[in-house]
């Protein structure tokens, strides 16, 4: 999709909306709040504690980072205010016809192994889950595995072990290992969520940070059937 192209607003849930649905389903997501203006962004940031991240909230903006809609590692109120203004300026230039609801404010998550859990609808098989290394790596390496919903814990374990990057999850070269059990639980919960909500066309939890004792979705996107 070209940058600046406006999607059907009825189909795309915002990050805040997506995370709220996922949270209700018991899927771990990082605390995220909507700020409708600069003053709210600063106030929410102070309440959360620095550092924080700001991301544009608009049903029309898909490529948030590429369009200047993301600011990370903000350590004080002044930086948050400047980041808010910068995001608005960038998005209005890239997506002049978009409806902007504000920005999401969330605490910066500690570094972890970045993975992706996703879902798409296959014309023949229905909902299919995907797991792999996340962040930009998913586009570069395409190191992913797939299973048809519903997915059991055994299926989830196999999905995790199938990717070539599995040694990274085990703690490659002294890096802290990720909790395979937490990732299994996450995949199963996403499978259940998708099965209970057949109107979901696509879902992405990318990146999800995997730690030694948990896994938490840092960003989330849900697209509904038209």
N, C-alpha and C. Protein backbone atom coordinates (compact mmCIF):
# COMPACT_ATOMS: atom_id res chain seq x y z
N UNK A 1 0.84 -1.19 0.00
CA UNK A 1 0.00 0.00 0.00
C UNK A 1 0.87 1.24 0.00
N UNK A 2 0.61 2.17 -0.86
CA UNK A 2 1.40 3.38 -0.93
C UNK A 2 1.15 4.26 0.28
N UNK A 3 2.20 4.94 0.70
CA UNK A 3 2.04 5.86 1.82
C UNK A 3 1.10 6.98 1.40
N UNK A 4 0.25 7.41 2.30
CA UNK A 4 -0.70 8.46 2.01
C UNK A 4 -2.05 7.93 1.57
N UNK A 5 -2.13 6.65 1.25
CA UNK A 5 -3.39 6.07 0.84
C UNK A 5 -4.29 5.87 2.05
N UNK A 6 -5.56 6.24 1.93
CA UNK A 6 -6.50 6.16 3.04
C UNK A 6 -7.28 4.86 2.97
N UNK A 7 -7.30 4.12 4.08
CA UNK A 7 -8.04 2.87 4.15
C UNK A 7 -9.49 3.12 4.54
N UNK A 8 -10.31 2.11 4.35
CA UNK A 8 -11.67 2.15 4.86
C UNK A 8 -11.62 2.16 6.37
N UNK A 9 -12.09 3.23 6.99
CA UNK A 9 -11.93 3.41 8.43
C UNK A 9 -12.70 2.39 9.24
N UNK A 10 -13.69 1.76 8.64
CA UNK A 10 -14.48 0.77 9.37
C UNK A 10 -13.72 -0.55 9.55
N UNK A 11 -12.66 -0.74 8.78
CA UNK A 11 -11.97 -2.02 8.79
C UNK A 11 -10.79 -2.07 9.75
N UNK A 12 -10.12 -0.95 9.96
CA UNK A 12 -8.86 -0.95 10.68
C UNK A 12 -9.04 -0.41 12.09
N UNK A 13 -8.71 -1.24 13.08
CA UNK A 13 -8.75 -0.77 14.46
C UNK A 13 -7.44 -0.07 14.79
N UNK A 14 -7.52 0.96 15.61
CA UNK A 14 -6.31 1.64 16.03
C UNK A 14 -5.53 0.77 17.01
N UNK A 15 -4.30 1.19 17.28
CA UNK A 15 -3.48 0.45 18.24
C UNK A 15 -4.15 0.37 19.60
N UNK A 16 -4.71 1.49 20.06
CA UNK A 16 -5.37 1.51 21.37
C UNK A 16 -6.57 0.58 21.38
N UNK A 17 -7.39 0.62 20.33
CA UNK A 17 -8.56 -0.26 20.24
C UNK A 17 -8.14 -1.72 20.17
N UNK A 18 -7.12 -2.00 19.38
CA UNK A 18 -6.64 -3.38 19.24
C UNK A 18 -6.14 -3.92 20.57
N UNK A 19 -5.34 -3.12 21.27
CA UNK A 19 -4.78 -3.57 22.54
C UNK A 19 -5.86 -3.76 23.61
N UNK A 20 -6.88 -2.94 23.56
CA UNK A 20 -7.96 -3.09 24.53
C UNK A 20 -8.68 -4.42 24.34
N UNK A 21 -8.95 -4.79 23.10
CA UNK A 21 -9.59 -6.08 22.82
C UNK A 21 -8.70 -7.24 23.23
N UNK A 22 -7.42 -7.13 22.91
CA UNK A 22 -6.47 -8.19 23.26
C UNK A 22 -6.34 -8.34 24.77
N UNK A 23 -6.29 -7.22 25.46
CA UNK A 23 -6.17 -7.24 26.93
C UNK A 23 -7.36 -7.94 27.55
N UNK A 24 -8.56 -7.66 27.04
CA UNK A 24 -9.77 -8.32 27.56
C UNK A 24 -9.72 -9.83 27.35
N UNK A 25 -9.02 -10.25 26.31
CA UNK A 25 -8.91 -11.69 26.01
C UNK A 25 -7.78 -12.35 26.79
N UNK A 26 -7.12 -11.59 27.65
CA UNK A 26 -6.05 -12.15 28.45
C UNK A 26 -4.71 -12.22 27.75
N UNK A 27 -4.59 -11.52 26.63
CA UNK A 27 -3.33 -11.48 25.88
C UNK A 27 -2.49 -10.32 26.41
N UNK A 28 -1.26 -10.57 26.84
CA UNK A 28 -0.45 -9.53 27.47
C UNK A 28 -0.01 -8.44 26.48
N UNK A 29 -0.38 -7.21 26.78
CA UNK A 29 0.02 -6.05 25.97
C UNK A 29 0.57 -4.98 26.91
N UNK A 30 1.46 -4.15 26.39
CA UNK A 30 2.01 -3.08 27.20
C UNK A 30 0.96 -2.00 27.41
N UNK A 31 0.94 -1.40 28.59
CA UNK A 31 -0.03 -0.37 28.94
C UNK A 31 0.05 0.78 27.94
N UNK A 32 -1.07 1.11 27.32
CA UNK A 32 -1.10 2.14 26.28
C UNK A 32 -2.34 3.02 26.45
N UNK A 33 -2.13 4.34 26.39
CA UNK A 33 -3.25 5.27 26.57
C UNK A 33 -3.30 6.26 25.41
N UNK A 34 -4.50 6.73 25.11
CA UNK A 34 -4.71 7.68 24.04
C UNK A 34 -4.62 9.11 24.57
N UNK A 35 -3.80 9.92 23.92
CA UNK A 35 -3.71 11.35 24.22
C UNK A 35 -4.25 12.11 23.01
N UNK A 36 -5.26 12.92 23.22
CA UNK A 36 -5.92 13.62 22.11
C UNK A 36 -5.26 14.94 21.76
N UNK A 37 -4.37 15.41 22.62
CA UNK A 37 -3.67 16.66 22.35
C UNK A 37 -2.33 16.65 23.08
N UNK A 38 -1.55 17.71 22.87
CA UNK A 38 -0.21 17.77 23.45
C UNK A 38 -0.26 17.78 24.98
N UNK A 39 -1.20 18.52 25.54
CA UNK A 39 -1.31 18.61 26.99
C UNK A 39 -1.57 17.23 27.60
N UNK A 40 -2.49 16.47 27.00
CA UNK A 40 -2.78 15.13 27.50
C UNK A 40 -1.57 14.21 27.36
N UNK A 41 -0.84 14.33 26.26
CA UNK A 41 0.34 13.50 26.04
C UNK A 41 1.38 13.73 27.15
N UNK A 42 1.58 14.99 27.51
CA UNK A 42 2.54 15.31 28.57
C UNK A 42 2.05 14.81 29.92
N UNK A 43 0.75 15.00 30.19
CA UNK A 43 0.19 14.57 31.47
C UNK A 43 0.25 13.06 31.63
N UNK A 44 -0.13 12.33 30.59
CA UNK A 44 -0.10 10.86 30.64
C UNK A 44 1.33 10.37 30.81
N UNK A 45 2.26 11.00 30.10
CA UNK A 45 3.66 10.60 30.18
C UNK A 45 4.19 10.76 31.61
N UNK A 46 3.86 11.87 32.24
CA UNK A 46 4.30 12.10 33.62
C UNK A 46 3.72 11.05 34.55
N UNK A 47 2.46 10.69 34.31
CA UNK A 47 1.81 9.68 35.16
C UNK A 47 2.42 8.30 34.99
N UNK A 48 2.82 7.97 33.76
CA UNK A 48 3.43 6.66 33.49
C UNK A 48 4.85 6.59 34.01
N UNK A 49 5.54 7.70 33.88
CA UNK A 49 6.96 7.71 34.20
C UNK A 49 7.80 7.56 32.95
N UNK A 50 8.85 8.34 32.85
CA UNK A 50 9.71 8.32 31.67
C UNK A 50 10.72 7.17 31.75
N UNK A 51 11.24 6.72 30.61
CA UNK A 51 10.99 7.17 29.24
C UNK A 51 9.70 6.58 28.66
N UNK A 52 9.16 7.29 27.67
CA UNK A 52 7.93 6.85 27.02
C UNK A 52 8.10 6.88 25.50
N UNK A 53 7.12 6.28 24.83
CA UNK A 53 7.06 6.31 23.36
C UNK A 53 5.73 6.90 22.95
N UNK A 54 5.74 7.69 21.87
CA UNK A 54 4.51 8.22 21.27
C UNK A 54 4.35 7.65 19.88
N UNK A 55 3.10 7.28 19.53
CA UNK A 55 2.81 6.78 18.19
C UNK A 55 1.49 7.35 17.71
N UNK A 56 1.45 7.71 16.45
CA UNK A 56 0.24 8.29 15.88
C UNK A 56 -0.93 7.31 15.99
N UNK A 57 -2.10 7.84 16.29
CA UNK A 57 -3.32 7.03 16.32
C UNK A 57 -4.27 7.56 15.25
N UNK A 58 -4.40 6.79 14.20
CA UNK A 58 -5.29 7.12 13.10
C UNK A 58 -5.65 5.84 12.37
N UNK A 59 -6.92 5.62 12.08
CA UNK A 59 -7.31 4.42 11.33
C UNK A 59 -6.80 4.44 9.89
N UNK A 60 -6.30 5.59 9.45
CA UNK A 60 -5.85 5.73 8.07
C UNK A 60 -4.35 5.54 7.89
N UNK A 61 -3.59 5.54 8.98
CA UNK A 61 -2.13 5.48 8.89
C UNK A 61 -1.66 4.08 9.24
N UNK A 62 -1.11 3.39 8.27
CA UNK A 62 -0.62 2.03 8.48
C UNK A 62 0.88 2.04 8.77
N UNK A 63 1.62 2.76 7.95
CA UNK A 63 3.08 2.77 8.08
C UNK A 63 3.50 3.90 9.01
N UNK A 64 3.31 3.67 10.30
CA UNK A 64 3.53 4.72 11.29
C UNK A 64 4.98 5.18 11.34
N UNK A 65 5.90 4.25 11.38
CA UNK A 65 7.32 4.61 11.49
C UNK A 65 7.82 5.29 10.22
N UNK A 66 7.46 4.75 9.07
CA UNK A 66 7.93 5.29 7.80
C UNK A 66 7.42 6.71 7.56
N UNK A 67 6.32 7.04 8.19
CA UNK A 67 5.70 8.35 7.97
C UNK A 67 6.04 9.36 9.06
N UNK A 68 6.97 9.03 9.93
CA UNK A 68 7.33 9.96 11.00
C UNK A 68 6.34 9.99 12.13
N UNK A 69 5.56 8.91 12.28
CA UNK A 69 4.52 8.90 13.29
C UNK A 69 4.91 8.23 14.59
N UNK A 70 6.20 7.99 14.80
CA UNK A 70 6.66 7.31 16.01
C UNK A 70 7.85 8.07 16.60
N UNK A 71 7.83 8.25 17.92
CA UNK A 71 8.96 8.84 18.63
C UNK A 71 9.23 7.97 19.86
N UNK A 72 10.48 7.55 20.02
CA UNK A 72 10.85 6.62 21.09
C UNK A 72 11.82 7.26 22.08
N UNK A 73 11.85 6.70 23.28
CA UNK A 73 12.85 7.08 24.27
C UNK A 73 12.75 8.51 24.75
N UNK A 74 11.55 9.02 24.92
CA UNK A 74 11.36 10.40 25.38
C UNK A 74 11.50 10.45 26.89
N UNK A 75 12.39 11.31 27.38
CA UNK A 75 12.78 11.26 28.78
C UNK A 75 12.27 12.40 29.64
N UNK A 76 11.56 13.36 29.04
CA UNK A 76 11.00 14.45 29.84
C UNK A 76 9.83 15.10 29.10
N UNK A 77 9.14 16.00 29.80
CA UNK A 77 7.93 16.63 29.25
C UNK A 77 8.23 17.47 28.02
N UNK A 78 9.37 18.13 28.01
CA UNK A 78 9.73 18.96 26.86
C UNK A 78 9.88 18.11 25.61
N UNK A 79 10.55 16.97 25.74
CA UNK A 79 10.71 16.07 24.61
C UNK A 79 9.37 15.53 24.12
N UNK A 80 8.48 15.23 25.05
CA UNK A 80 7.16 14.73 24.68
C UNK A 80 6.39 15.78 23.88
N UNK A 81 6.44 17.03 24.34
CA UNK A 81 5.75 18.11 23.64
C UNK A 81 6.28 18.30 22.22
N UNK A 82 7.60 18.29 22.08
CA UNK A 82 8.20 18.44 20.76
C UNK A 82 7.89 17.24 19.87
N UNK A 83 7.90 16.05 20.47
CA UNK A 83 7.60 14.84 19.71
C UNK A 83 6.16 14.86 19.19
N UNK A 84 5.24 15.29 20.03
CA UNK A 84 3.83 15.37 19.63
C UNK A 84 3.69 16.29 18.41
N UNK A 85 4.30 17.48 18.49
CA UNK A 85 4.21 18.44 17.39
C UNK A 85 4.86 17.88 16.13
N UNK A 86 5.98 17.20 16.28
CA UNK A 86 6.67 16.62 15.13
C UNK A 86 5.86 15.54 14.45
N UNK A 87 5.22 14.70 15.26
CA UNK A 87 4.37 13.64 14.71
C UNK A 87 3.22 14.23 13.90
N UNK A 88 2.55 15.21 14.49
CA UNK A 88 1.40 15.82 13.80
C UNK A 88 1.81 16.46 12.48
N UNK A 89 2.95 17.12 12.49
CA UNK A 89 3.43 17.77 11.27
C UNK A 89 3.73 16.74 10.19
N UNK A 90 4.40 15.65 10.57
CA UNK A 90 4.77 14.62 9.60
C UNK A 90 3.56 13.92 9.02
N UNK A 91 2.60 13.58 9.87
CA UNK A 91 1.44 12.84 9.41
C UNK A 91 0.54 13.69 8.52
N UNK A 92 0.39 14.95 8.87
CA UNK A 92 -0.45 15.83 8.04
C UNK A 92 0.15 16.03 6.67
N UNK A 93 1.47 15.91 6.58
CA UNK A 93 2.13 16.02 5.28
C UNK A 93 2.01 14.73 4.48
N UNK A 94 2.19 13.59 5.16
CA UNK A 94 2.16 12.30 4.48
C UNK A 94 0.73 11.80 4.21
N UNK A 95 -0.16 12.07 5.13
CA UNK A 95 -1.56 11.61 5.04
C UNK A 95 -2.51 12.80 5.21
N UNK A 96 -2.53 13.71 4.26
CA UNK A 96 -3.32 14.94 4.41
C UNK A 96 -4.82 14.72 4.59
N UNK A 97 -5.34 13.58 4.15
CA UNK A 97 -6.78 13.33 4.26
C UNK A 97 -7.12 12.46 5.47
N UNK A 98 -6.15 12.12 6.27
CA UNK A 98 -6.39 11.20 7.38
C UNK A 98 -7.12 11.86 8.54
N UNK A 99 -7.87 11.04 9.25
CA UNK A 99 -8.47 11.46 10.52
C UNK A 99 -7.51 11.08 11.62
N UNK A 100 -7.07 12.07 12.39
CA UNK A 100 -6.11 11.85 13.46
C UNK A 100 -6.82 11.93 14.81
N UNK A 101 -6.76 10.86 15.57
CA UNK A 101 -7.40 10.83 16.88
C UNK A 101 -6.48 11.32 17.99
N UNK A 102 -5.17 11.30 17.73
CA UNK A 102 -4.20 11.72 18.72
C UNK A 102 -2.97 10.83 18.63
N UNK A 103 -2.35 10.59 19.78
CA UNK A 103 -1.20 9.68 19.82
C UNK A 103 -1.40 8.69 20.95
N UNK A 104 -0.75 7.53 20.80
CA UNK A 104 -0.71 6.60 21.92
C UNK A 104 0.52 6.92 22.75
N UNK A 105 0.38 6.76 24.05
CA UNK A 105 1.49 6.97 24.97
C UNK A 105 1.71 5.65 25.71
N UNK A 106 2.95 5.18 25.71
CA UNK A 106 3.24 3.94 26.41
C UNK A 106 4.65 3.99 26.96
N UNK A 107 4.89 3.31 28.08
CA UNK A 107 6.25 3.27 28.62
C UNK A 107 7.17 2.50 27.69
N UNK A 108 8.42 2.90 27.64
CA UNK A 108 9.41 2.15 26.86
C UNK A 108 9.63 0.80 27.52
N UNK A 109 9.47 -0.25 26.73
CA UNK A 109 9.66 -1.60 27.26
C UNK A 109 11.15 -1.92 27.33
N UNK A 110 11.57 -2.66 28.35
CA UNK A 110 12.97 -3.10 28.41
C UNK A 110 13.29 -3.94 27.19
N UNK A 111 14.55 -3.93 26.75
CA UNK A 111 14.93 -4.74 25.58
C UNK A 111 14.65 -6.22 25.82
N UNK A 112 14.17 -6.88 24.79
CA UNK A 112 13.90 -8.31 24.84
C UNK A 112 14.07 -8.88 23.44
N UNK A 113 13.87 -10.17 23.29
CA UNK A 113 13.91 -10.77 21.96
C UNK A 113 12.62 -10.39 21.23
N UNK A 114 12.76 -9.80 20.05
CA UNK A 114 11.58 -9.35 19.30
C UNK A 114 11.03 -10.50 18.45
N UNK A 115 9.76 -10.81 18.68
CA UNK A 115 9.09 -11.84 17.88
C UNK A 115 7.78 -11.26 17.34
N UNK A 116 7.20 -11.98 16.42
CA UNK A 116 5.90 -11.58 15.87
C UNK A 116 4.93 -12.75 15.99
N UNK A 117 3.70 -12.45 16.37
CA UNK A 117 2.60 -13.40 16.29
C UNK A 117 1.54 -12.74 15.42
N UNK A 118 1.17 -13.40 14.35
CA UNK A 118 0.21 -12.80 13.43
C UNK A 118 -0.84 -13.80 12.98
N UNK A 119 -1.84 -13.27 12.29
CA UNK A 119 -2.91 -14.12 11.75
C UNK A 119 -3.43 -13.49 10.48
N UNK A 120 -3.74 -14.33 9.52
CA UNK A 120 -4.39 -13.89 8.29
C UNK A 120 -5.39 -14.95 7.87
N UNK A 121 -6.36 -14.52 7.09
CA UNK A 121 -7.39 -15.44 6.61
C UNK A 121 -6.97 -16.04 5.27
N UNK A 122 -6.88 -17.36 5.22
CA UNK A 122 -6.58 -18.06 3.98
C UNK A 122 -7.89 -18.46 3.31
N UNK A 123 -8.02 -18.23 2.00
CA UNK A 123 -9.28 -18.54 1.31
C UNK A 123 -9.71 -20.00 1.45
N UNK A 124 -8.73 -20.91 1.55
CA UNK A 124 -9.04 -22.34 1.61
C UNK A 124 -9.10 -22.86 3.05
N UNK A 125 -8.16 -22.45 3.90
CA UNK A 125 -8.03 -23.03 5.23
C UNK A 125 -8.61 -22.17 6.36
N UNK A 126 -8.98 -20.94 6.06
CA UNK A 126 -9.49 -20.06 7.11
C UNK A 126 -8.35 -19.38 7.85
N UNK A 127 -8.54 -19.07 9.14
CA UNK A 127 -7.51 -18.34 9.89
C UNK A 127 -6.24 -19.17 10.07
N UNK A 128 -5.12 -18.55 9.76
CA UNK A 128 -3.81 -19.19 9.88
C UNK A 128 -2.92 -18.32 10.76
N UNK A 129 -2.30 -18.93 11.77
CA UNK A 129 -1.40 -18.21 12.66
C UNK A 129 0.02 -18.26 12.14
N UNK A 130 0.78 -17.20 12.45
CA UNK A 130 2.18 -17.10 12.06
C UNK A 130 3.01 -16.75 13.29
N UNK A 131 4.20 -17.32 13.38
CA UNK A 131 5.15 -16.96 14.43
C UNK A 131 6.53 -16.83 13.83
N UNK A 132 7.32 -15.87 14.33
CA UNK A 132 8.68 -15.73 13.85
C UNK A 132 9.41 -14.65 14.60
N UNK A 133 10.64 -14.39 14.19
CA UNK A 133 11.38 -13.27 14.75
C UNK A 133 10.71 -11.98 14.29
N UNK A 134 10.62 -11.00 15.17
CA UNK A 134 9.82 -9.82 14.88
C UNK A 134 10.64 -8.60 14.52
N UNK A 135 9.97 -7.42 14.64
CA UNK A 135 10.60 -6.17 14.25
C UNK A 135 10.85 -6.15 12.75
N UNK A 136 11.94 -5.52 12.34
CA UNK A 136 12.27 -5.46 10.92
C UNK A 136 12.75 -6.82 10.40
N UNK A 137 13.14 -7.70 11.31
CA UNK A 137 13.68 -9.00 10.90
C UNK A 137 12.64 -9.84 10.16
N UNK A 138 11.37 -9.66 10.49
CA UNK A 138 10.35 -10.49 9.85
C UNK A 138 10.28 -10.21 8.35
N UNK A 139 10.55 -8.96 7.94
CA UNK A 139 10.52 -8.61 6.53
C UNK A 139 11.83 -9.00 5.84
N UNK A 140 12.95 -8.92 6.58
CA UNK A 140 14.24 -9.20 5.98
C UNK A 140 14.51 -10.70 5.89
N UNK A 141 14.30 -11.40 7.01
CA UNK A 141 14.65 -12.82 7.07
C UNK A 141 13.51 -13.74 6.64
N UNK A 142 12.26 -13.28 6.85
CA UNK A 142 11.09 -14.11 6.55
C UNK A 142 11.20 -15.48 7.22
N UNK A 143 11.68 -15.47 8.46
CA UNK A 143 11.88 -16.70 9.23
C UNK A 143 10.65 -16.93 10.09
N UNK A 144 9.64 -17.56 9.50
CA UNK A 144 8.35 -17.72 10.18
C UNK A 144 7.82 -19.13 10.01
N UNK A 145 6.89 -19.50 10.89
CA UNK A 145 6.20 -20.79 10.80
C UNK A 145 4.69 -20.53 10.84
N UNK A 146 3.92 -21.51 10.37
CA UNK A 146 2.47 -21.33 10.26
C UNK A 146 1.72 -22.55 10.81
N UNK A 147 0.51 -22.28 11.32
CA UNK A 147 -0.41 -23.34 11.71
C UNK A 147 -1.84 -22.85 11.48
N UNK A 148 -2.72 -23.80 11.14
CA UNK A 148 -4.14 -23.49 10.99
C UNK A 148 -4.79 -23.45 12.37
N UNK A 149 -5.64 -22.47 12.59
CA UNK A 149 -6.40 -22.35 13.84
C UNK A 149 -7.45 -23.45 13.88
N UNK A 150 -7.71 -24.10 15.04
CA UNK A 150 -7.16 -23.80 16.37
C UNK A 150 -5.78 -24.41 16.58
N UNK A 151 -4.99 -23.72 17.43
CA UNK A 151 -3.63 -24.14 17.72
C UNK A 151 -3.54 -24.60 19.17
N UNK A 152 -3.01 -25.80 19.37
CA UNK A 152 -2.81 -26.32 20.72
C UNK A 152 -1.45 -25.88 21.25
N UNK A 153 -1.21 -26.16 22.53
CA UNK A 153 0.09 -25.81 23.10
C UNK A 153 1.20 -26.59 22.42
N UNK A 154 0.93 -27.83 22.07
CA UNK A 154 1.94 -28.62 21.35
C UNK A 154 2.23 -28.02 19.99
N UNK A 155 1.17 -27.59 19.28
CA UNK A 155 1.36 -26.91 18.00
C UNK A 155 2.23 -25.67 18.17
N UNK A 156 1.92 -24.90 19.23
CA UNK A 156 2.65 -23.66 19.48
C UNK A 156 4.13 -23.95 19.71
N UNK A 157 4.41 -25.00 20.48
CA UNK A 157 5.80 -25.36 20.76
C UNK A 157 6.52 -25.72 19.45
N UNK A 158 5.84 -26.45 18.58
CA UNK A 158 6.44 -26.82 17.31
C UNK A 158 6.67 -25.59 16.43
N UNK A 159 5.74 -24.66 16.42
CA UNK A 159 5.90 -23.42 15.65
C UNK A 159 7.15 -22.68 16.08
N UNK A 160 7.34 -22.58 17.39
CA UNK A 160 8.48 -21.85 17.93
C UNK A 160 9.80 -22.52 17.55
N UNK A 161 9.83 -23.85 17.66
CA UNK A 161 11.08 -24.58 17.40
C UNK A 161 11.39 -24.71 15.91
N UNK A 162 10.40 -24.49 15.06
CA UNK A 162 10.62 -24.64 13.62
C UNK A 162 11.42 -23.50 13.00
N UNK A 163 11.37 -22.32 13.58
CA UNK A 163 12.05 -21.19 12.95
C UNK A 163 13.57 -21.36 13.07
N UNK A 164 14.28 -20.85 12.09
CA UNK A 164 15.74 -20.97 12.09
C UNK A 164 16.37 -20.15 13.22
N UNK A 165 15.66 -19.12 13.65
CA UNK A 165 16.17 -18.26 14.72
C UNK A 165 15.92 -18.79 16.12
N UNK A 166 15.47 -20.04 16.24
CA UNK A 166 15.17 -20.59 17.56
C UNK A 166 16.33 -20.49 18.54
N UNK A 167 17.59 -20.70 18.12
CA UNK A 167 18.70 -20.55 19.06
C UNK A 167 18.76 -19.19 19.74
N UNK A 168 18.27 -18.15 19.06
CA UNK A 168 18.23 -16.82 19.67
C UNK A 168 17.30 -16.83 20.88
N UNK A 169 16.19 -17.54 20.77
CA UNK A 169 15.24 -17.63 21.87
C UNK A 169 15.82 -18.44 23.03
N UNK A 170 16.72 -19.35 22.73
CA UNK A 170 17.34 -20.17 23.78
C UNK A 170 18.43 -19.42 24.54
N UNK A 171 18.86 -18.28 24.01
CA UNK A 171 19.91 -17.52 24.68
C UNK A 171 21.23 -17.62 23.94
N UNK A 172 21.24 -17.11 22.72
CA UNK A 172 22.42 -17.21 21.85
C UNK A 172 23.56 -16.32 22.35
N UNK A 173 24.76 -16.89 22.50
CA UNK A 173 25.96 -16.17 22.87
C UNK A 173 25.78 -15.30 24.12
N UNK A 174 25.27 -15.92 25.14
CA UNK A 174 25.15 -15.23 26.41
C UNK A 174 23.93 -14.34 26.59
N UNK A 175 23.14 -14.20 25.54
CA UNK A 175 21.92 -13.41 25.67
C UNK A 175 20.91 -14.15 26.54
N UNK A 176 20.17 -13.40 27.33
CA UNK A 176 19.20 -14.01 28.23
C UNK A 176 18.14 -14.77 27.42
N UNK A 177 17.86 -16.02 27.78
CA UNK A 177 16.87 -16.80 27.01
C UNK A 177 15.46 -16.27 27.21
N UNK A 178 14.63 -16.50 26.22
CA UNK A 178 13.22 -16.13 26.31
C UNK A 178 12.43 -17.29 26.89
N UNK A 179 11.31 -16.96 27.51
CA UNK A 179 10.44 -17.99 28.07
C UNK A 179 9.64 -18.65 26.95
N UNK A 180 10.00 -19.87 26.62
CA UNK A 180 9.27 -20.60 25.58
C UNK A 180 7.84 -20.88 26.04
N UNK A 181 7.68 -21.15 27.34
CA UNK A 181 6.34 -21.40 27.88
C UNK A 181 5.44 -20.18 27.72
N UNK A 182 5.98 -18.99 27.97
CA UNK A 182 5.19 -17.77 27.83
C UNK A 182 4.80 -17.54 26.38
N UNK A 183 5.70 -17.86 25.45
CA UNK A 183 5.38 -17.72 24.04
C UNK A 183 4.33 -18.73 23.60
N UNK A 184 4.41 -19.95 24.12
CA UNK A 184 3.39 -20.95 23.83
C UNK A 184 2.01 -20.47 24.29
N UNK A 185 1.96 -19.94 25.51
CA UNK A 185 0.69 -19.45 26.06
C UNK A 185 0.14 -18.31 25.20
N UNK A 186 1.03 -17.42 24.77
CA UNK A 186 0.61 -16.29 23.94
C UNK A 186 0.02 -16.77 22.63
N UNK A 187 0.69 -17.70 21.97
CA UNK A 187 0.19 -18.21 20.69
C UNK A 187 -1.17 -18.88 20.85
N UNK A 188 -1.33 -19.67 21.90
CA UNK A 188 -2.60 -20.36 22.14
C UNK A 188 -3.71 -19.34 22.41
N UNK A 189 -3.41 -18.31 23.19
CA UNK A 189 -4.43 -17.30 23.51
C UNK A 189 -4.83 -16.52 22.25
N UNK A 190 -3.87 -16.24 21.40
CA UNK A 190 -4.19 -15.56 20.14
C UNK A 190 -5.06 -16.46 19.27
N UNK A 191 -4.75 -17.75 19.23
CA UNK A 191 -5.57 -18.70 18.48
C UNK A 191 -7.00 -18.71 18.98
N UNK A 192 -7.17 -18.74 20.29
CA UNK A 192 -8.51 -18.74 20.88
C UNK A 192 -9.24 -17.44 20.59
N UNK A 193 -8.53 -16.34 20.66
CA UNK A 193 -9.10 -15.03 20.38
C UNK A 193 -9.61 -14.95 18.94
N UNK A 194 -8.80 -15.44 18.03
CA UNK A 194 -9.17 -15.42 16.61
C UNK A 194 -10.37 -16.33 16.36
N UNK A 195 -10.36 -17.49 16.98
CA UNK A 195 -11.45 -18.45 16.80
C UNK A 195 -12.78 -17.89 17.30
N UNK A 196 -12.72 -17.12 18.37
CA UNK A 196 -13.93 -16.54 18.97
C UNK A 196 -14.38 -15.27 18.26
N UNK A 197 -13.53 -14.73 17.38
CA UNK A 197 -13.85 -13.48 16.68
C UNK A 197 -13.60 -13.65 15.18
N UNK A 198 -14.50 -14.38 14.49
CA UNK A 198 -14.28 -14.70 13.08
C UNK A 198 -14.29 -13.49 12.15
N UNK A 199 -14.70 -12.33 12.66
CA UNK A 199 -14.72 -11.13 11.83
C UNK A 199 -13.32 -10.53 11.64
N UNK A 200 -12.33 -11.07 12.34
CA UNK A 200 -10.97 -10.57 12.21
C UNK A 200 -10.35 -11.10 10.92
N UNK A 201 -9.87 -10.19 10.10
CA UNK A 201 -9.24 -10.56 8.83
C UNK A 201 -7.73 -10.71 8.98
N UNK A 202 -7.12 -9.77 9.71
CA UNK A 202 -5.68 -9.82 9.95
C UNK A 202 -5.38 -9.36 11.36
N UNK A 203 -4.30 -9.87 11.90
CA UNK A 203 -3.85 -9.48 13.24
C UNK A 203 -2.33 -9.56 13.29
N UNK A 204 -1.71 -8.54 13.87
CA UNK A 204 -0.26 -8.53 14.02
C UNK A 204 0.11 -8.04 15.42
N UNK A 205 0.89 -8.82 16.12
CA UNK A 205 1.51 -8.38 17.37
C UNK A 205 2.99 -8.27 17.07
N UNK A 206 3.41 -7.09 16.62
CA UNK A 206 4.79 -6.92 16.17
C UNK A 206 5.29 -5.50 16.43
N UNK A 207 6.31 -5.37 17.29
CA UNK A 207 7.00 -6.49 17.92
C UNK A 207 6.33 -6.93 19.22
N UNK A 208 6.54 -8.18 19.55
CA UNK A 208 6.28 -8.69 20.89
C UNK A 208 7.64 -8.96 21.52
N UNK A 209 7.84 -8.46 22.73
CA UNK A 209 9.11 -8.66 23.42
C UNK A 209 9.04 -9.90 24.30
N UNK A 210 9.94 -10.83 24.06
CA UNK A 210 10.01 -12.06 24.84
C UNK A 210 11.12 -11.93 25.87
N UNK A 211 10.77 -12.18 27.13
CA UNK A 211 11.72 -12.11 28.24
C UNK A 211 11.87 -13.50 28.86
N UNK A 212 12.69 -13.58 29.90
CA UNK A 212 12.94 -14.88 30.54
C UNK A 212 11.72 -15.40 31.29
N UNK A 213 10.76 -14.49 31.62
CA UNK A 213 9.62 -14.91 32.41
C UNK A 213 8.26 -14.52 31.82
N UNK A 214 8.27 -13.84 30.67
CA UNK A 214 6.99 -13.39 30.09
C UNK A 214 7.20 -12.96 28.64
N UNK A 215 6.08 -12.67 27.98
CA UNK A 215 6.09 -12.11 26.64
C UNK A 215 5.01 -11.04 26.58
N UNK A 216 5.33 -9.87 26.03
CA UNK A 216 4.40 -8.75 26.02
C UNK A 216 4.37 -8.11 24.64
N UNK A 217 3.17 -7.90 24.10
CA UNK A 217 3.03 -7.24 22.81
C UNK A 217 3.22 -5.74 22.99
N UNK A 218 4.17 -5.18 22.25
CA UNK A 218 4.46 -3.75 22.32
C UNK A 218 3.62 -2.98 21.32
N UNK A 219 3.36 -3.57 20.17
CA UNK A 219 2.50 -2.95 19.17
C UNK A 219 1.49 -3.98 18.69
N UNK A 220 0.34 -3.50 18.26
CA UNK A 220 -0.72 -4.42 17.83
C UNK A 220 -1.58 -3.76 16.77
N UNK A 221 -2.04 -4.60 15.85
CA UNK A 221 -2.92 -4.12 14.78
C UNK A 221 -3.94 -5.19 14.46
N UNK A 222 -5.20 -4.78 14.33
CA UNK A 222 -6.27 -5.70 13.95
C UNK A 222 -7.03 -5.09 12.79
N UNK A 223 -7.25 -5.89 11.75
CA UNK A 223 -8.06 -5.46 10.59
C UNK A 223 -9.26 -6.39 10.51
N UNK A 224 -10.44 -5.80 10.38
CA UNK A 224 -11.67 -6.57 10.33
C UNK A 224 -12.12 -6.79 8.90
N UNK A 225 -12.94 -7.80 8.71
CA UNK A 225 -13.53 -8.04 7.41
C UNK A 225 -14.41 -6.85 7.03
N UNK A 226 -14.45 -6.53 5.73
CA UNK A 226 -15.25 -5.40 5.27
C UNK A 226 -16.73 -5.68 5.30
